[in-house]
Amino acid sequence: PVRVTHQEIAAELGSSREVISRIVEDLAGRGLIEAERGALTVL
């Protein structure tokens, strides 16, 4: 997995944590990734 927070991704991409969280939740809901606190695993 990738050890990263939603805030860190937001800082990297010039977005907000809220936007990143919604996208991560959508990707997880589609079964593409598994999202845990401080980590994302590509499935």
Full PDB file with SEQRES, HELIX, SHEET, SSBOND, CRYST1, ORIGX, SCALE, CONECT and MASTER records, all heavy atoms in Angstrom:
SEQRES   1 A   43  PRO VAL ARG VAL THR HIS GLN GLU ILE ALA ALA GLU LEU          
SEQRES   2 A   43  GLY SER SER ARG GLU VAL ILE SER ARG ILE VAL GLU ASP          
SEQRES   3 A   43  LEU ALA GLY ARG GLY LEU ILE GLU ALA GLU ARG GLY ALA          
SEQRES   4 A   43  LEU THR VAL LEU                                              
HELIX    1 AA1 HIS A    6  LEU A   13  1                                   8    
HELIX    2 AA2 ARG A   17  GLY A   29  1                                  13    
SHEET    1 AA1 3 VAL A   2  ARG A   3  0                                        
SHEET    2 AA1 3 ALA A  39  VAL A  42 -1                                        
SHEET    3 AA1 3 ILE A  33  GLU A  36 -1                                        
CRYST1    1.000    1.000    1.000  90.00  90.00  90.00 P 1           1          
ORIGX1      1.000000  0.000000  0.000000        0.00000                         
ORIGX2      0.000000  1.000000  0.000000        0.00000                         
ORIGX3      0.000000  0.000000  1.000000        0.00000                         
SCALE1      1.000000  0.000000  0.000000        0.00000                         
SCALE2      0.000000  1.000000  0.000000        0.00000                         
SCALE3      0.000000  0.000000  1.000000        0.00000                         
ATOM      1  N   PRO A   1       0.793  -1.233   0.000  1.00  0.00           N  
ATOM      2  CA  PRO A   1       0.000   0.000   0.000  1.00  0.00           C  
ATOM      3  C   PRO A   1       0.828   1.289   0.000  1.00  0.00           C  
ATOM      4  O   PRO A   1       2.017   1.272   0.330  1.00  0.00           O  
ATOM      5  CB  PRO A   1      -0.812  -0.109   1.291  1.00  0.00           C  
ATOM      6  CG  PRO A   1       0.056  -0.926   2.192  1.00  0.00           C  
ATOM      7  CD  PRO A   1       0.721  -1.943   1.288  1.00  0.00           C  
ATOM      8  N   VAL A   2       0.152   2.366  -0.377  1.00  0.00           N  
ATOM      9  CA  VAL A   2       0.751   3.697  -0.368  1.00  0.00           C  
ATOM     10  C   VAL A   2       0.454   4.341   0.976  1.00  0.00           C  
ATOM     11  O   VAL A   2      -0.717   4.486   1.350  1.00  0.00           O  
ATOM     12  CB  VAL A   2       0.161   4.575  -1.500  1.00  0.00           C  
ATOM     13  CG1 VAL A   2       0.814   5.955  -1.503  1.00  0.00           C  
ATOM     14  CG2 VAL A   2       0.324   3.888  -2.849  1.00  0.00           C  
ATOM     15  N   ARG A   3       1.504   4.693   1.713  1.00  0.00           N  
ATOM     16  CA  ARG A   3       1.327   5.325   3.020  1.00  0.00           C  
ATOM     17  C   ARG A   3       1.148   6.830   2.820  1.00  0.00           C  
ATOM     18  O   ARG A   3       2.116   7.555   2.574  1.00  0.00           O  
ATOM     19  CB  ARG A   3       2.533   5.052   3.911  1.00  0.00           C  
ATOM     20  CG  ARG A   3       2.823   3.582   4.137  1.00  0.00           C  
ATOM     21  CD  ARG A   3       1.701   2.889   4.898  1.00  0.00           C  
ATOM     22  NE  ARG A   3       1.946   1.450   5.046  1.00  0.00           N  
ATOM     23  CZ  ARG A   3       1.091   0.606   5.611  1.00  0.00           C  
ATOM     24  NH1 ARG A   3      -0.063   1.063   6.094  1.00  0.00           N  
ATOM     25  NH2 ARG A   3       1.370  -0.683   5.688  1.00  0.00           N  
ATOM     26  N   VAL A   4      -0.084   7.301   2.895  1.00  0.00           N  
ATOM     27  CA  VAL A   4      -0.371   8.703   2.619  1.00  0.00           C  
ATOM     28  C   VAL A   4      -1.733   9.073   3.200  1.00  0.00           C  
ATOM     29  O   VAL A   4      -2.610   8.221   3.339  1.00  0.00           O  
ATOM     30  CB  VAL A   4      -0.370   8.955   1.088  1.00  0.00           C  
ATOM     31  CG1 VAL A   4      -1.531   8.241   0.408  1.00  0.00           C  
ATOM     32  CG2 VAL A   4      -0.364  10.435   0.758  1.00  0.00           C  
ATOM     33  N   THR A   5      -1.894  10.328   3.563  1.00  0.00           N  
ATOM     34  CA  THR A   5      -3.182  10.824   4.040  1.00  0.00           C  
ATOM     35  C   THR A   5      -3.884  11.583   2.915  1.00  0.00           C  
ATOM     36  O   THR A   5      -3.255  11.990   1.928  1.00  0.00           O  
ATOM     37  CB  THR A   5      -3.019  11.770   5.235  1.00  0.00           C  
ATOM     38  OG1 THR A   5      -2.344  12.970   4.799  1.00  0.00           O  
ATOM     39  CG2 THR A   5      -2.221  11.106   6.352  1.00  0.00           C  
ATOM     40  N   HIS A   6      -5.171  11.790   3.072  1.00  0.00           N  
ATOM     41  CA  HIS A   6      -5.928  12.560   2.080  1.00  0.00           C  
ATOM     42  C   HIS A   6      -5.391  13.990   1.999  1.00  0.00           C  
ATOM     43  O   HIS A   6      -5.336  14.573   0.910  1.00  0.00           O  
ATOM     44  CB  HIS A   6      -7.413  12.569   2.446  1.00  0.00           C  
ATOM     45  CG  HIS A   6      -8.046  11.220   2.384  1.00  0.00           C  
ATOM     46  ND1 HIS A   6      -9.391  11.007   2.598  1.00  0.00           N  
ATOM     47  CD2 HIS A   6      -7.517   9.991   2.114  1.00  0.00           C  
ATOM     48  CE1 HIS A   6      -9.658   9.714   2.476  1.00  0.00           C  
ATOM     49  NE2 HIS A   6      -8.528   9.076   2.198  1.00  0.00           N  
ATOM     50  N   GLN A   7      -4.978  14.544   3.126  1.00  0.00           N  
ATOM     51  CA  GLN A   7      -4.448  15.905   3.141  1.00  0.00           C  
ATOM     52  C   GLN A   7      -3.146  15.984   2.354  1.00  0.00           C  
ATOM     53  O   GLN A   7      -2.889  16.967   1.649  1.00  0.00           O  
ATOM     54  CB  GLN A   7      -4.224  16.382   4.576  1.00  0.00           C  
ATOM     55  CG  GLN A   7      -3.712  17.813   4.687  1.00  0.00           C  
ATOM     56  CD  GLN A   7      -4.651  18.816   4.042  1.00  0.00           C  
ATOM     57  OE1 GLN A   7      -5.847  18.828   4.331  1.00  0.00           O  
ATOM     58  NE2 GLN A   7      -4.130  19.640   3.148  1.00  0.00           N  
ATOM     59  N   GLU A   8      -2.318  14.955   2.457  1.00  0.00           N  
ATOM     60  CA  GLU A   8      -1.048  14.952   1.722  1.00  0.00           C  
ATOM     61  C   GLU A   8      -1.284  14.878   0.215  1.00  0.00           C  
ATOM     62  O   GLU A   8      -0.591  15.535  -0.562  1.00  0.00           O  
ATOM     63  CB  GLU A   8      -0.181  13.785   2.203  1.00  0.00           C  
ATOM     64  CG  GLU A   8       0.389  14.011   3.598  1.00  0.00           C  
ATOM     65  CD  GLU A   8       1.019  12.763   4.188  1.00  0.00           C  
ATOM     66  OE1 GLU A   8       0.715  11.644   3.711  1.00  0.00           O  
ATOM     67  OE2 GLU A   8       1.817  12.878   5.131  1.00  0.00           O  
ATOM     68  N   ILE A   9      -2.276  14.076  -0.208  1.00  0.00           N  
ATOM     69  CA  ILE A   9      -2.607  14.019  -1.636  1.00  0.00           C  
ATOM     70  C   ILE A   9      -3.130  15.379  -2.094  1.00  0.00           C  
ATOM     71  O   ILE A   9      -2.774  15.869  -3.173  1.00  0.00           O  
ATOM     72  CB  ILE A   9      -3.660  12.926  -1.913  1.00  0.00           C  
ATOM     73  CG1 ILE A   9      -3.117  11.551  -1.525  1.00  0.00           C  
ATOM     74  CG2 ILE A   9      -4.056  12.938  -3.389  1.00  0.00           C  
ATOM     75  CD1 ILE A   9      -4.142  10.431  -1.671  1.00  0.00           C  
ATOM     76  N   ALA A  10      -3.963  16.001  -1.282  1.00  0.00           N  
ATOM     77  CA  ALA A  10      -4.505  17.324  -1.625  1.00  0.00           C  
ATOM     78  C   ALA A  10      -3.382  18.331  -1.809  1.00  0.00           C  
ATOM     79  O   ALA A  10      -3.406  19.143  -2.747  1.00  0.00           O  
ATOM     80  CB  ALA A  10      -5.480  17.787  -0.540  1.00  0.00           C  
ATOM     81  N   ALA A  11      -2.389  18.293  -0.929  1.00  0.00           N  
ATOM     82  CA  ALA A  11      -1.257  19.217  -1.033  1.00  0.00           C  
ATOM     83  C   ALA A  11      -0.455  18.965  -2.302  1.00  0.00           C  
ATOM     84  O   ALA A  11       0.026  19.900  -2.951  1.00  0.00           O  
ATOM     85  CB  ALA A  11      -0.358  19.092   0.198  1.00  0.00           C  
ATOM     86  N   GLU A  12      -0.320  17.689  -2.668  1.00  0.00           N  
ATOM     87  CA  GLU A  12       0.424  17.343  -3.871  1.00  0.00           C  
ATOM     88  C   GLU A  12      -0.278  17.854  -5.124  1.00  0.00           C  
ATOM     89  O   GLU A  12       0.357  18.331  -6.069  1.00  0.00           O  
ATOM     90  CB  GLU A  12       0.596  15.825  -3.975  1.00  0.00           C  
ATOM     91  CG  GLU A  12       1.566  15.236  -3.000  1.00  0.00           C  
ATOM     92  CD  GLU A  12       2.999  15.600  -3.324  1.00  0.00           C  
ATOM     93  OE1 GLU A  12       3.356  15.584  -4.502  1.00  0.00           O  
ATOM     94  OE2 GLU A  12       3.745  15.922  -2.391  1.00  0.00           O  
ATOM     95  N   LEU A  13      -1.596  17.772  -5.145  1.00  0.00           N  
ATOM     96  CA  LEU A  13      -2.354  18.033  -6.366  1.00  0.00           C  
ATOM     97  C   LEU A  13      -3.037  19.389  -6.379  1.00  0.00           C  
ATOM     98  O   LEU A  13      -3.739  19.725  -7.340  1.00  0.00           O  
ATOM     99  CB  LEU A  13      -3.391  16.923  -6.578  1.00  0.00           C  
ATOM    100  CG  LEU A  13      -2.814  15.507  -6.713  1.00  0.00           C  
ATOM    101  CD1 LEU A  13      -3.922  14.494  -6.933  1.00  0.00           C  
ATOM    102  CD2 LEU A  13      -1.813  15.441  -7.850  1.00  0.00           C  
ATOM    103  N   GLY A  14      -2.863  20.185  -5.324  1.00  0.00           N  
ATOM    104  CA  GLY A  14      -3.452  21.514  -5.298  1.00  0.00           C  
ATOM    105  C   GLY A  14      -4.962  21.494  -5.157  1.00  0.00           C  
ATOM    106  O   GLY A  14      -5.670  22.323  -5.740  1.00  0.00           O  
ATOM    107  N   SER A  15      -5.470  20.551  -4.380  1.00  0.00           N  
ATOM    108  CA  SER A  15      -6.905  20.425  -4.178  1.00  0.00           C  
ATOM    109  C   SER A  15      -7.203  20.554  -2.682  1.00  0.00           C  
ATOM    110  O   SER A  15      -6.351  20.989  -1.903  1.00  0.00           O  
ATOM    111  CB  SER A  15      -7.389  19.072  -4.717  1.00  0.00           C  
ATOM    112  OG  SER A  15      -8.788  18.947  -4.632  1.00  0.00           O  
ATOM    113  N   SER A  16      -8.427  20.201  -2.297  1.00  0.00           N  
ATOM    114  CA  SER A  16      -8.795  20.224  -0.881  1.00  0.00           C  
ATOM    115  C   SER A  16      -8.942  18.796  -0.369  1.00  0.00           C  
ATOM    116  O   SER A  16      -9.180  17.859  -1.148  1.00  0.00           O  
ATOM    117  CB  SER A  16     -10.118  20.969  -0.678  1.00  0.00           C  
ATOM    118  OG  SER A  16     -11.195  20.244  -1.250  1.00  0.00           O  
ATOM    119  N   ARG A  17      -8.803  18.626   0.926  1.00  0.00           N  
ATOM    120  CA  ARG A  17      -8.922  17.292   1.512  1.00  0.00           C  
ATOM    121  C   ARG A  17     -10.310  16.713   1.255  1.00  0.00           C  
ATOM    122  O   ARG A  17     -10.462  15.507   1.016  1.00  0.00           O  
ATOM    123  CB  ARG A  17      -8.650  17.355   3.015  1.00  0.00           C  
ATOM    124  CG  ARG A  17      -8.678  15.988   3.708  1.00  0.00           C  
ATOM    125  CD  ARG A  17      -8.512  16.123   5.208  1.00  0.00           C  
ATOM    126  NE  ARG A  17      -9.558  16.938   5.794  1.00  0.00           N  
ATOM    127  CZ  ARG A  17     -10.808  16.498   6.036  1.00  0.00           C  
ATOM    128  NH1 ARG A  17     -11.148  15.247   5.726  1.00  0.00           N  
ATOM    129  NH2 ARG A  17     -11.691  17.301   6.575  1.00  0.00           N  
ATOM    130  N   GLU A  18     -11.340  17.574   1.298  1.00  0.00           N  
ATOM    131  CA  GLU A  18     -12.705  17.100   1.103  1.00  0.00           C  
ATOM    132  C   GLU A  18     -12.902  16.508  -0.293  1.00  0.00           C  
ATOM    133  O   GLU A  18     -13.530  15.459  -0.464  1.00  0.00           O  
ATOM    134  CB  GLU A  18     -13.697  18.244   1.336  1.00  0.00           C  
ATOM    135  CG  GLU A  18     -13.786  18.728   2.781  1.00  0.00           C  
ATOM    136  CD  GLU A  18     -12.606  19.609   3.188  1.00  0.00           C  
ATOM    137  OE1 GLU A  18     -11.849  20.050   2.289  1.00  0.00           O  
ATOM    138  OE2 GLU A  18     -12.437  19.840   4.399  1.00  0.00           O  
ATOM    139  N   VAL A  19     -12.351  17.193  -1.302  1.00  0.00           N  
ATOM    140  CA  VAL A  19     -12.461  16.689  -2.678  1.00  0.00           C  
ATOM    141  C   VAL A  19     -11.733  15.361  -2.811  1.00  0.00           C  
ATOM    142  O   VAL A  19     -12.255  14.394  -3.390  1.00  0.00           O  
ATOM    143  CB  VAL A  19     -11.892  17.717  -3.682  1.00  0.00           C  
ATOM    144  CG1 VAL A  19     -11.750  17.096  -5.069  1.00  0.00           C  
ATOM    145  CG2 VAL A  19     -12.792  18.941  -3.747  1.00  0.00           C  
ATOM    146  N   ILE A  20     -10.527  15.282  -2.270  1.00  0.00           N  
ATOM    147  CA  ILE A  20      -9.752  14.054  -2.350  1.00  0.00           C  
ATOM    148  C   ILE A  20     -10.474  12.913  -1.639  1.00  0.00           C  
ATOM    149  O   ILE A  20     -10.525  11.782  -2.140  1.00  0.00           O  
ATOM    150  CB  ILE A  20      -8.344  14.247  -1.749  1.00  0.00           C  
ATOM    151  CG1 ILE A  20      -7.575  15.335  -2.511  1.00  0.00           C  
ATOM    152  CG2 ILE A  20      -7.579  12.929  -1.758  1.00  0.00           C  
ATOM    153  CD1 ILE A  20      -7.407  15.072  -3.987  1.00  0.00           C  
ATOM    154  N   SER A  21     -11.047  13.196  -0.492  1.00  0.00           N  
ATOM    155  CA  SER A  21     -11.755  12.160   0.262  1.00  0.00           C  
ATOM    156  C   SER A  21     -12.926  11.595  -0.535  1.00  0.00           C  
ATOM    157  O   SER A  21     -13.156  10.374  -0.541  1.00  0.00           O  
ATOM    158  CB  SER A  21     -12.254  12.728   1.602  1.00  0.00           C  
ATOM    159  OG  SER A  21     -11.178  13.064   2.439  1.00  0.00           O  
ATOM    160  N   ARG A  22     -13.668  12.466  -1.217  1.00  0.00           N  
ATOM    161  CA  ARG A  22     -14.796  11.990  -2.023  1.00  0.00           C  
ATOM    162  C   ARG A  22     -14.319  11.091  -3.164  1.00  0.00           C  
ATOM    163  O   ARG A  22     -14.934  10.059  -3.455  1.00  0.00           O  
ATOM    164  CB  ARG A  22     -15.583  13.179  -2.587  1.00  0.00           C  
ATOM    165  CG  ARG A  22     -16.437  13.899  -1.550  1.00  0.00           C  
ATOM    166  CD  ARG A  22     -17.501  14.761  -2.216  1.00  0.00           C  
ATOM    167  NE  ARG A  22     -16.910  15.813  -3.033  1.00  0.00           N  
ATOM    168  CZ  ARG A  22     -16.598  17.028  -2.572  1.00  0.00           C  
ATOM    169  NH1 ARG A  22     -16.816  17.316  -1.296  1.00  0.00           N  
ATOM    170  NH2 ARG A  22     -16.088  17.936  -3.360  1.00  0.00           N  
ATOM    171  N   ILE A  23     -13.222  11.475  -3.797  1.00  0.00           N  
ATOM    172  CA  ILE A  23     -12.695  10.672  -4.906  1.00  0.00           C  
ATOM    173  C   ILE A  23     -12.184   9.329  -4.403  1.00  0.00           C  
ATOM    174  O   ILE A  23     -12.441   8.285  -5.015  1.00  0.00           O  
ATOM    175  CB  ILE A  23     -11.582  11.441  -5.644  1.00  0.00           C  
ATOM    176  CG1 ILE A  23     -12.186  12.666  -6.345  1.00  0.00           C  
ATOM    177  CG2 ILE A  23     -10.873  10.544  -6.648  1.00  0.00           C  
ATOM    178  CD1 ILE A  23     -11.157  13.596  -6.935  1.00  0.00           C  
ATOM    179  N   VAL A  24     -11.468   9.339  -3.286  1.00  0.00           N  
ATOM    180  CA  VAL A  24     -10.953   8.096  -2.708  1.00  0.00           C  
ATOM    181  C   VAL A  24     -12.109   7.165  -2.324  1.00  0.00           C  
ATOM    182  O   VAL A  24     -12.062   5.953  -2.581  1.00  0.00           O  
ATOM    183  CB  VAL A  24     -10.062   8.396  -1.487  1.00  0.00           C  
ATOM    184  CG1 VAL A  24      -9.776   7.112  -0.696  1.00  0.00           C  
ATOM    185  CG2 VAL A  24      -8.750   9.046  -1.929  1.00  0.00           C  
ATOM    186  N   GLU A  25     -13.139   7.731  -1.729  1.00  0.00           N  
ATOM    187  CA  GLU A  25     -14.304   6.926  -1.355  1.00  0.00           C  
ATOM    188  C   GLU A  25     -14.963   6.312  -2.577  1.00  0.00           C  
ATOM    189  O   GLU A  25     -15.401   5.146  -2.553  1.00  0.00           O  
ATOM    190  CB  GLU A  25     -15.301   7.785  -0.586  1.00  0.00           C  
ATOM    191  CG  GLU A  25     -14.838   8.158   0.817  1.00  0.00           C  
ATOM    192  CD  GLU A  25     -15.739   9.200   1.472  1.00  0.00           C  
ATOM    193  OE1 GLU A  25     -16.781   9.544   0.858  1.00  0.00           O  
ATOM    194  OE2 GLU A  25     -15.398   9.671   2.575  1.00  0.00           O  
ATOM    195  N   ASP A  26     -15.025   7.065  -3.671  1.00  0.00           N  
ATOM    196  CA  ASP A  26     -15.610   6.551  -4.898  1.00  0.00           C  
ATOM    197  C   ASP A  26     -14.765   5.412  -5.469  1.00  0.00           C  
ATOM    198  O   ASP A  26     -15.301   4.373  -5.887  1.00  0.00           O  
ATOM    199  CB  ASP A  26     -15.728   7.677  -5.933  1.00  0.00           C  
ATOM    200  CG  ASP A  26     -16.291   7.189  -7.260  1.00  0.00           C  
ATOM    201  OD1 ASP A  26     -17.470   6.794  -7.298  1.00  0.00           O  
ATOM    202  OD2 ASP A  26     -15.542   7.186  -8.256  1.00  0.00           O  
ATOM    203  N   LEU A  27     -13.448   5.594  -5.483  1.00  0.00           N  
ATOM    204  CA  LEU A  27     -12.556   4.546  -5.994  1.00  0.00           C  
ATOM    205  C   LEU A  27     -12.653   3.288  -5.138  1.00  0.00           C  
ATOM    206  O   LEU A  27     -12.641   2.164  -5.663  1.00  0.00           O  
ATOM    207  CB  LEU A  27     -11.114   5.056  -6.028  1.00  0.00           C  
ATOM    208  CG  LEU A  27     -10.813   6.212  -7.002  1.00  0.00           C  
ATOM    209  CD1 LEU A  27      -9.372   6.680  -6.825  1.00  0.00           C  
ATOM    210  CD2 LEU A  27     -11.071   5.798  -8.437  1.00  0.00           C  
ATOM    211  N   ALA A  28     -12.772   3.479  -3.829  1.00  0.00           N  
ATOM    212  CA  ALA A  28     -12.901   2.335  -2.930  1.00  0.00           C  
ATOM    213  C   ALA A  28     -14.245   1.642  -3.147  1.00  0.00           C  
ATOM    214  O   ALA A  28     -14.333   0.406  -3.141  1.00  0.00           O  
ATOM    215  CB  ALA A  28     -12.750   2.791  -1.483  1.00  0.00           C  
ATOM    216  N   GLY A  29     -15.307   2.439  -3.343  1.00  0.00           N  
ATOM    217  CA  GLY A  29     -16.631   1.873  -3.572  1.00  0.00           C  
ATOM    218  C   GLY A  29     -16.710   1.054  -4.848  1.00  0.00           C  
ATOM    219  O   GLY A  29     -17.504   0.114  -4.948  1.00  0.00           O  
ATOM    220  N   ARG A  30     -15.878   1.400  -5.827  1.00  0.00           N  
ATOM    221  CA  ARG A  30     -15.842   0.660  -7.087  1.00  0.00           C  
ATOM    222  C   ARG A  30     -14.925  -0.558  -7.018  1.00  0.00           C  
ATOM    223  O   ARG A  30     -14.787  -1.292  -8.001  1.00  0.00           O  
ATOM    224  CB  ARG A  30     -15.382   1.584  -8.218  1.00  0.00           C  
ATOM    225  CG  ARG A  30     -16.352   2.712  -8.524  1.00  0.00           C  
ATOM    226  CD  ARG A  30     -15.753   3.705  -9.511  1.00  0.00           C  
ATOM    227  NE  ARG A  30     -16.639   4.826  -9.745  1.00  0.00           N  
ATOM    228  CZ  ARG A  30     -17.568   4.889 -10.691  1.00  0.00           C  
ATOM    229  NH1 ARG A  30     -17.715   3.846 -11.517  1.00  0.00           N  
ATOM    230  NH2 ARG A  30     -18.345   5.940 -10.839  1.00  0.00           N  
ATOM    231  N   GLY A  31     -14.253  -0.740  -5.872  1.00  0.00           N  
ATOM    232  CA  GLY A  31     -13.391  -1.900  -5.695  1.00  0.00           C  
ATOM    233  C   GLY A  31     -12.022  -1.754  -6.323  1.00  0.00           C  
ATOM    234  O   GLY A  31     -11.285  -2.738  -6.468  1.00  0.00           O  
ATOM    235  N   LEU A  32     -11.651  -0.524  -6.682  1.00  0.00           N  
ATOM    236  CA  LEU A  32     -10.354  -0.305  -7.319  1.00  0.00           C  
ATOM    237  C   LEU A  32      -9.235  -0.219  -6.288  1.00  0.00           C  
ATOM    238  O   LEU A  32      -8.100  -0.615  -6.559  1.00  0.00           O  
ATOM    239  CB  LEU A  32     -10.377   0.980  -8.158  1.00  0.00           C  
ATOM    240  CG  LEU A  32     -10.954   0.868  -9.575  1.00  0.00           C  
ATOM    241  CD1 LEU A  32     -12.416   0.433  -9.552  1.00  0.00           C  
ATOM    242  CD2 LEU A  32     -10.825   2.208 -10.296  1.00  0.00           C  
ATOM    243  N   ILE A  33      -9.567   0.332  -5.115  1.00  0.00           N  
ATOM    244  CA  ILE A  33      -8.590   0.473  -4.050  1.00  0.00           C  
ATOM    245  C   ILE A  33      -9.243   0.108  -2.719  1.00  0.00           C  
ATOM    246  O   ILE A  33     -10.471   0.035  -2.608  1.00  0.00           O  
ATOM    247  CB  ILE A  33      -8.025   1.916  -3.955  1.00  0.00           C  
ATOM    248  CG1 ILE A  33      -9.136   2.891  -3.530  1.00  0.00           C  
ATOM    249  CG2 ILE A  33      -7.383   2.345  -5.264  1.00  0.00           C  
ATOM    250  CD1 ILE A  33      -8.627   4.299  -3.244  1.00  0.00           C  
ATOM    251  N   GLU A  34      -8.406  -0.112  -1.740  1.00  0.00           N  
ATOM    252  CA  GLU A  34      -8.865  -0.259  -0.356  1.00  0.00           C  
ATOM    253  C   GLU A  34      -8.293   0.911   0.428  1.00  0.00           C  
ATOM    254  O   GLU A  34      -7.088   1.173   0.368  1.00  0.00           O  
ATOM    255  CB  GLU A  34      -8.387  -1.573   0.246  1.00  0.00           C  
ATOM    256  CG  GLU A  34      -8.852  -1.779   1.688  1.00  0.00           C  
ATOM    257  CD  GLU A  34      -8.349  -3.091   2.274  1.00  0.00           C  
ATOM    258  OE1 GLU A  34      -7.575  -3.783   1.595  1.00  0.00           O  
ATOM    259  OE2 GLU A  34      -8.729  -3.404   3.417  1.00  0.00           O  
ATOM    260  N   ALA A  35      -9.170   1.637   1.109  1.00  0.00           N  
ATOM    261  CA  ALA A  35      -8.749   2.836   1.829  1.00  0.00           C  
ATOM    262  C   ALA A  35      -8.797   2.589   3.330  1.00  0.00           C  
ATOM    263  O   ALA A  35      -9.837   2.204   3.879  1.00  0.00           O  
ATOM    264  CB  ALA A  35      -9.642   4.016   1.463  1.00  0.00           C  
ATOM    265  N   GLU A  36      -7.647   2.783   3.970  1.00  0.00           N  
ATOM    266  CA  GLU A  36      -7.548   2.706   5.423  1.00  0.00           C  
ATOM    267  C   GLU A  36      -6.942   4.010   5.922  1.00  0.00           C  
ATOM    268  O   GLU A  36      -6.437   4.810   5.131  1.00  0.00           O  
ATOM    269  CB  GLU A  36      -6.663   1.526   5.832  1.00  0.00           C  
ATOM    270  CG  GLU A  36      -7.184   0.184   5.355  1.00  0.00           C  
ATOM    271  CD  GLU A  36      -6.222  -0.941   5.708  1.00  0.00           C  
ATOM    272  OE1 GLU A  36      -5.102  -0.939   5.173  1.00  0.00           O  
ATOM    273  OE2 GLU A  36      -6.601  -1.780   6.528  1.00  0.00           O  
ATOM    274  N   ARG A  37      -6.966   4.232   7.218  1.00  0.00           N  
ATOM    275  CA  ARG A  37      -6.398   5.456   7.759  1.00  0.00           C  
ATOM    276  C   ARG A  37      -4.897   5.513   7.464  1.00  0.00           C  
ATOM    277  O   ARG A  37      -4.131   4.658   7.910  1.00  0.00           O  
ATOM    278  CB  ARG A  37      -6.635   5.539   9.267  1.00  0.00           C  
ATOM    279  CG  ARG A  37      -6.075   6.824   9.912  1.00  0.00           C  
ATOM    280  CD  ARG A  37      -6.380   6.879  11.386  1.00  0.00           C  
ATOM    281  NE  ARG A  37      -7.816   6.998  11.627  1.00  0.00           N  
ATOM    282  CZ  ARG A  37      -8.477   8.143  11.638  1.00  0.00           C  
ATOM    283  NH1 ARG A  37      -7.836   9.277  11.412  1.00  0.00           N  
ATOM    284  NH2 ARG A  37      -9.781   8.166  11.871  1.00  0.00           N  
ATOM    285  N   GLY A  38      -4.497   6.499   6.710  1.00  0.00           N  
ATOM    286  CA  GLY A  38      -3.082   6.689   6.409  1.00  0.00           C  
ATOM    287  C   GLY A  38      -2.518   5.771   5.360  1.00  0.00           C  
ATOM    288  O   GLY A  38      -1.303   5.721   5.160  1.00  0.00           O  
ATOM    289  N   ALA A  39      -3.375   5.021   4.637  1.00  0.00           N  
ATOM    290  CA  ALA A  39      -2.865   4.095   3.629  1.00  0.00           C  
ATOM    291  C   ALA A  39      -3.918   3.798   2.569  1.00  0.00           C  
ATOM    292  O   ALA A  39      -5.116   3.727   2.857  1.00  0.00           O  
ATOM    293  CB  ALA A  39      -2.413   2.788   4.275  1.00  0.00           C  
ATOM    294  N   LEU A  40      -3.446   3.626   1.329  1.00  0.00           N  
ATOM    295  CA  LEU A  40      -4.298   3.233   0.210  1.00  0.00           C  
ATOM    296  C   LEU A  40      -3.655   2.028  -0.472  1.00  0.00           C  
ATOM    297  O   LEU A  40      -2.459   2.046  -0.773  1.00  0.00           O  
ATOM    298  CB  LEU A  40      -4.438   4.371  -0.807  1.00  0.00           C  
ATOM    299  CG  LEU A  40      -5.006   5.689  -0.300  1.00  0.00           C  
ATOM    300  CD1 LEU A  40      -4.936   6.748  -1.396  1.00  0.00           C  
ATOM    301  CD2 LEU A  40      -6.442   5.514   0.180  1.00  0.00           C  
ATOM    302  N   THR A  41      -4.454   0.977  -0.701  1.00  0.00           N  
ATOM    303  CA  THR A  41      -3.958  -0.222  -1.364  1.00  0.00           C  
ATOM    304  C   THR A  41      -4.672  -0.387  -2.697  1.00  0.00           C  
ATOM    305  O   THR A  41      -5.902  -0.422  -2.742  1.00  0.00           O  
ATOM    306  CB  THR A  41      -4.193  -1.472  -0.507  1.00  0.00           C  
ATOM    307  OG1 THR A  41      -3.568  -1.298   0.770  1.00  0.00           O  
ATOM    308  CG2 THR A  41      -3.632  -2.715  -1.193  1.00  0.00           C  
ATOM    309  N   VAL A  42      -3.917  -0.480  -3.786  1.00  0.00           N  
ATOM    310  CA  VAL A  42      -4.518  -0.698  -5.103  1.00  0.00           C  
ATOM    311  C   VAL A  42      -4.902  -2.169  -5.227  1.00  0.00           C  
ATOM    312  O   VAL A  42      -4.062  -3.054  -5.056  1.00  0.00           O  
ATOM    313  CB  VAL A  42      -3.551  -0.291  -6.235  1.00  0.00           C  
ATOM    314  CG1 VAL A  42      -4.159  -0.634  -7.601  1.00  0.00           C  
ATOM    315  CG2 VAL A  42      -3.237   1.193  -6.164  1.00  0.00           C  
ATOM    316  N   LEU A  43      -6.167  -2.420  -5.538  1.00  0.00           N  
ATOM    317  CA  LEU A  43      -6.672  -3.785  -5.683  1.00  0.00           C  
ATOM    318  C   LEU A  43      -6.767  -4.209  -7.143  1.00  0.00           C  
ATOM    319  O   LEU A  43      -6.657  -5.393  -7.450  1.00  0.00           O  
ATOM    320  CB  LEU A  43      -8.060  -3.902  -5.031  1.00  0.00           C  
ATOM    321  CG  LEU A  43      -8.153  -3.518  -3.551  1.00  0.00           C  
ATOM    322  CD1 LEU A  43      -9.599  -3.604  -3.085  1.00  0.00           C  
ATOM    323  CD2 LEU A  43      -7.254  -4.403  -2.705  1.00  0.00           C  
TER     324      LEU A  43                                                      
MASTER        0    0    0    2    3    0    0    6  323    1    0    4          
END                                                                             
